[in-house]
Amino acid sequence: MNILIVDDEPLARVRLKRLLTNSQTIRLLGEASNGREALQLAKKQIPDLVFLDVDMPGMSGLEVAKELNFSAVPPAIIFTTAHPEHALDAIGLNAAGYLVKPISEQSLYKAIEQLGRLTRVQVQKQHMNKISYQLAGTLKSIEMESIFYFSAEEKYTKIVFEEGDALIEQSLKQLEALYQTFILRIHRNTLVNRSKIIALHSQSNGHHVIQLQGCDELLPVSRRELRAVKDAL
């Protein structure tokens, strides 16, 4: 299980790392001292589990958790704090556990045990037929079967689906890794829903396009991806 430790107190991070050294199933990906740093690390490392301090200056752990819940595959979160009155807020954010400082080895491993063998891959399997996106401050999700394609839009990725379109932060590369059984790369800027593919058409200019069921657009296939597309079909 790959984890991140997030706490603004260096001694608290050291203590937690020391307690975790006895586990053979946990690998520390990194540690962060504030919320922004935590979000950057989580986006890069994609942890299975985050130990997250609630009381941090600037961006609180609860705010960090809300952002992490917008991830394509949200990590499990175990909150740590010296103030147990935050427990209700943690429950509202679907926290996997809640540890009150000073954390004992017994309470730590009990919280980890309650996670069972939950890993990022298993979480992915639970949510792999849906992708989350944010619209006007509201978190929504779309069934994979309703999606036509994904296209790179500068710093964001555009999802085009039956009801419209939306922007997400996950890159095409990240989506390709998470949903490889559902999507197929046809261009460096485009991923399509495999189940929507009707045909690969050759054009008079030597180029190729993909036709998708229910989608009016014909999407260009790059020369680089043409062989992979033909093999997939």
Protein backbone atom coordinates (compact mmCIF):
# COMPACT_ATOMS: atom_id res chain seq x y z
CA MET A 1 0.00 0.00 0.00
CA ASN A 2 1.54 3.31 -1.12
CA ILE A 3 1.05 6.16 1.33
CA LEU A 4 1.61 9.88 1.83
CA ILE A 5 2.02 11.58 5.21
CA VAL A 6 0.72 15.12 5.51
CA ASP A 7 1.33 17.13 8.69
CA ASP A 8 2.70 20.61 9.36
CA GLU A 9 4.53 19.35 12.47
CA PRO A 10 7.89 17.69 11.65
CA LEU A 11 7.89 15.67 14.87
CA ALA A 12 4.43 14.29 14.11
CA ARG A 13 5.63 13.13 10.68
CA VAL A 14 8.72 11.53 12.21
CA ARG A 15 6.63 9.68 14.81
CA LEU A 16 4.19 8.36 12.21
CA LYS A 17 7.01 7.18 9.95
CA ARG A 18 8.62 5.40 12.90
CA LEU A 19 5.38 3.62 13.77
CA LEU A 20 4.93 2.54 10.17
CA THR A 21 8.38 1.00 9.86
CA ASN A 22 7.08 -2.24 11.38
CA SER A 23 4.74 -2.83 8.45
CA GLN A 24 5.94 -4.91 5.51
CA THR A 25 2.99 -3.90 3.34
CA ILE A 26 3.38 -0.13 3.42
CA ARG A 27 5.62 1.98 1.20
CA LEU A 28 6.09 5.68 1.95
CA LEU A 29 5.85 7.72 -1.27
CA GLY A 30 6.58 11.05 0.39
CA GLU A 31 5.54 13.58 2.98
CA ALA A 32 4.13 17.10 2.89
CA SER A 33 4.03 19.91 5.45
CA ASN A 34 1.04 21.79 4.02
CA GLY A 35 -2.09 21.29 1.96
CA ARG A 36 -0.87 22.62 -1.38
CA GLU A 37 2.24 20.48 -1.24
CA ALA A 38 0.07 17.49 -0.36
CA LEU A 39 -2.18 17.97 -3.41
CA GLN A 40 0.82 18.31 -5.72
CA LEU A 41 2.37 15.11 -4.35
CA ALA A 42 -0.91 13.21 -4.51
CA LYS A 43 -1.46 14.22 -8.14
CA LYS A 44 2.04 13.07 -9.05
CA GLN A 45 2.33 9.91 -6.92
CA ILE A 46 -1.31 8.67 -6.89
CA PRO A 47 -1.20 7.14 -3.38
CA ASP A 48 -3.47 4.41 -2.05
CA LEU A 49 -3.69 6.01 1.38
CA VAL A 50 -3.06 9.48 2.83
CA PHE A 51 -2.47 10.16 6.53
CA LEU A 52 -3.81 13.71 6.71
CA ASP A 53 -3.52 16.16 9.59
CA VAL A 54 -6.74 18.12 10.06
CA ASP A 55 -5.27 21.22 11.71
CA MET A 56 -2.83 22.87 9.32
CA PRO A 57 -2.31 26.59 8.64
CA GLY A 58 -3.48 27.92 5.31
CA MET A 59 -5.29 24.95 3.82
CA SER A 60 -6.79 22.60 6.39
CA GLY A 61 -6.80 18.84 6.10
CA LEU A 62 -10.56 18.88 5.55
CA GLU A 63 -10.09 21.20 2.55
CA VAL A 64 -7.34 18.96 1.20
CA ALA A 65 -9.62 15.93 1.55
CA LYS A 66 -12.36 17.65 -0.46
CA GLU A 67 -9.87 18.26 -3.28
CA LEU A 68 -8.56 14.69 -3.12
CA ASN A 69 -12.13 13.41 -3.46
CA PHE A 70 -12.24 15.07 -6.90
CA SER A 71 -9.44 12.77 -8.11
CA ALA A 72 -10.21 10.20 -10.78
CA VAL A 73 -9.28 7.53 -8.24
CA PRO A 74 -9.48 9.12 -4.78
CA PRO A 75 -7.07 7.74 -2.16
CA ALA A 76 -8.28 6.39 1.15
CA ILE A 77 -7.83 9.04 3.87
CA ILE A 78 -7.04 8.56 7.55
CA PHE A 79 -7.26 11.86 9.42
CA THR A 80 -4.91 12.66 12.30
CA THR A 81 -5.57 15.42 14.82
CA ALA A 82 -5.32 16.46 18.44
CA HIS A 83 -8.93 17.66 18.35
CA PRO A 84 -11.50 14.84 18.27
CA GLU A 85 -14.37 17.31 17.68
CA HIS A 86 -13.48 17.20 13.97
CA ALA A 87 -14.55 13.56 13.73
CA LEU A 88 -18.03 14.41 12.42
CA ASP A 89 -16.56 16.48 9.59
CA ALA A 90 -14.23 13.60 8.74
CA ILE A 91 -17.15 11.18 8.54
CA GLY A 92 -18.88 13.58 6.15
CA LEU A 93 -15.87 13.34 3.85
CA ASN A 94 -15.97 9.54 3.79
CA ALA A 95 -12.75 9.18 5.76
CA ALA A 96 -11.41 5.66 6.09
CA GLY A 97 -10.20 6.34 9.62
CA TYR A 98 -9.64 8.95 12.33
CA LEU A 99 -6.67 8.95 14.71
CA VAL A 100 -6.32 11.22 17.74
CA LYS A 101 -2.81 12.41 18.63
CA PRO A 102 -0.62 11.23 20.21
CA ILE A 103 -1.12 8.24 17.91
CA SER A 104 -0.45 4.84 19.42
CA GLU A 105 0.89 1.92 17.44
CA GLN A 106 -2.19 -0.10 18.35
CA SER A 107 -4.68 2.52 17.08
CA LEU A 108 -2.62 3.08 13.93
CA TYR A 109 -2.56 -0.55 12.88
CA LYS A 110 -6.20 -1.02 13.83
CA ALA A 111 -7.09 1.78 11.41
CA ILE A 112 -4.94 0.23 8.68
CA GLU A 113 -6.43 -3.21 9.35
CA GLN A 114 -9.93 -1.78 8.90
CA LEU A 115 -8.94 -0.81 5.39
CA GLY A 116 -8.44 -4.50 4.72
CA ARG A 117 -6.47 -5.03 1.55
CA LEU A 118 -7.92 -1.98 -0.15
CA THR A 119 -5.53 -0.70 -2.80
CA ARG A 120 -5.73 1.91 -5.53
CA VAL A 121 -6.33 -0.84 -8.08
CA GLN A 122 -9.26 -2.18 -6.09
CA VAL A 123 -10.71 1.29 -5.67
CA GLN A 124 -10.31 1.74 -9.40
CA LYS A 125 -12.28 -1.45 -10.05
CA GLN A 126 -15.10 -0.11 -7.89
CA HIS A 127 -15.24 3.19 -9.78
CA MET A 128 -13.79 2.27 -13.15
CA ASN A 129 -17.12 2.61 -14.93
CA LYS A 130 -17.44 6.25 -13.85
CA ILE A 131 -15.39 9.43 -14.17
CA SER A 132 -15.89 12.40 -11.87
CA TYR A 133 -15.86 16.04 -12.89
CA GLN A 134 -16.70 19.35 -11.27
CA LEU A 135 -19.39 21.67 -12.61
CA ALA A 136 -20.24 24.98 -10.93
CA GLY A 137 -18.74 23.76 -7.65
CA THR A 138 -20.68 20.48 -7.71
CA LEU A 139 -19.01 17.09 -8.06
CA LYS A 140 -20.70 14.99 -10.72
CA SER A 141 -19.93 11.68 -12.38
CA ILE A 142 -20.47 10.26 -15.83
CA GLU A 143 -20.79 6.62 -16.81
CA MET A 144 -17.92 5.47 -19.02
CA GLU A 145 -20.38 3.96 -21.48
CA SER A 146 -21.80 7.46 -22.13
CA ILE A 147 -18.43 8.98 -23.04
CA PHE A 148 -17.41 9.38 -26.69
CA TYR A 149 -13.84 10.64 -26.34
CA PHE A 150 -11.27 12.67 -24.40
CA SER A 151 -9.20 15.45 -25.95
CA ALA A 152 -6.30 17.50 -24.60
CA GLU A 153 -7.25 21.15 -24.03
CA GLU A 154 -4.10 23.04 -22.90
CA LYS A 155 -3.86 22.39 -19.13
CA TYR A 156 -7.08 20.39 -19.00
CA THR A 157 -8.74 17.41 -20.65
CA LYS A 158 -12.12 17.71 -22.31
CA ILE A 159 -14.64 14.88 -21.93
CA VAL A 160 -17.24 14.65 -24.68
CA PHE A 161 -20.27 12.55 -23.78
CA GLU A 162 -23.88 12.05 -24.78
CA GLU A 163 -25.22 14.93 -22.66
CA GLY A 164 -22.48 17.45 -23.47
CA ASP A 165 -18.90 18.00 -22.38
CA ALA A 166 -16.81 18.90 -19.31
CA LEU A 167 -13.23 19.65 -18.30
CA ILE A 168 -11.14 17.58 -15.89
CA GLU A 169 -7.58 17.94 -14.60
CA GLN A 170 -6.42 14.39 -15.31
CA SER A 171 -4.08 14.17 -18.29
CA LEU A 172 -4.63 11.80 -21.19
CA LYS A 173 -1.68 9.78 -19.95
CA GLN A 174 -3.25 9.38 -16.50
CA LEU A 175 -6.62 8.43 -17.98
CA GLU A 176 -4.96 5.94 -20.29
CA ALA A 177 -3.27 4.25 -17.33
CA LEU A 178 -6.42 4.16 -15.19
CA TYR A 179 -8.96 3.14 -17.83
CA GLN A 180 -6.87 1.23 -20.34
CA THR A 181 -9.52 -1.46 -20.84
CA PHE A 182 -12.11 1.15 -21.83
CA ILE A 183 -10.21 3.65 -23.96
CA LEU A 184 -7.94 3.66 -26.99
CA ARG A 185 -5.43 6.31 -28.04
CA ILE A 186 -5.92 7.37 -31.66
CA HIS A 187 -3.86 10.57 -31.57
CA ARG A 188 -1.47 12.27 -29.17
CA ASN A 189 -4.38 14.58 -28.29
CA THR A 190 -7.26 12.09 -28.36
CA LEU A 191 -8.51 8.99 -26.54
CA VAL A 192 -11.75 7.30 -27.62
CA ASN A 193 -14.19 4.93 -25.97
CA ARG A 194 -13.43 1.49 -27.43
CA SER A 195 -17.05 0.37 -27.14
CA LYS A 196 -18.23 3.32 -29.26
CA ILE A 197 -16.02 2.59 -32.26
CA ILE A 198 -18.00 1.71 -35.40
CA ALA A 199 -15.36 1.90 -38.09
CA LEU A 200 -11.96 3.15 -39.21
CA HIS A 201 -12.27 5.06 -42.49
CA SER A 202 -9.55 5.80 -45.05
CA GLN A 203 -9.79 9.19 -46.74
CA SER A 204 -8.73 10.18 -50.26
CA ASN A 205 -5.85 12.25 -48.87
CA GLY A 206 -4.36 9.17 -47.21
CA HIS A 207 -5.50 10.13 -43.72
CA HIS A 208 -7.72 8.01 -41.45
CA VAL A 209 -10.62 8.86 -39.16
CA ILE A 210 -12.58 7.00 -36.49
CA GLN A 211 -16.37 6.88 -36.53
CA LEU A 212 -18.06 6.58 -33.14
CA GLN A 213 -21.59 5.40 -32.44
CA GLY A 214 -23.85 8.36 -31.61
CA CYS A 215 -21.13 10.94 -32.31
CA ASP A 216 -21.35 13.20 -35.38
CA GLU A 217 -17.63 13.99 -35.40
CA LEU A 218 -15.11 11.94 -37.35
CA LEU A 219 -11.93 11.91 -35.27
CA PRO A 220 -8.51 11.92 -36.97
CA VAL A 221 -6.13 9.02 -36.38
CA SER A 222 -2.43 9.91 -36.38
CA ARG A 223 0.02 7.91 -38.47
CA ARG A 224 1.85 7.03 -35.29
CA GLU A 225 -1.24 5.42 -33.72
CA LEU A 226 -2.68 3.89 -36.90
CA ARG A 227 -1.09 0.46 -36.46
CA ALA A 228 -2.18 0.24 -32.80
CA VAL A 229 -5.71 1.26 -33.77
CA LYS A 230 -5.88 -1.38 -36.51
CA ASP A 231 -4.57 -4.02 -34.10
CA ALA A 232 -7.17 -3.03 -31.50
CA LEU A 233 -9.96 -3.33 -34.03
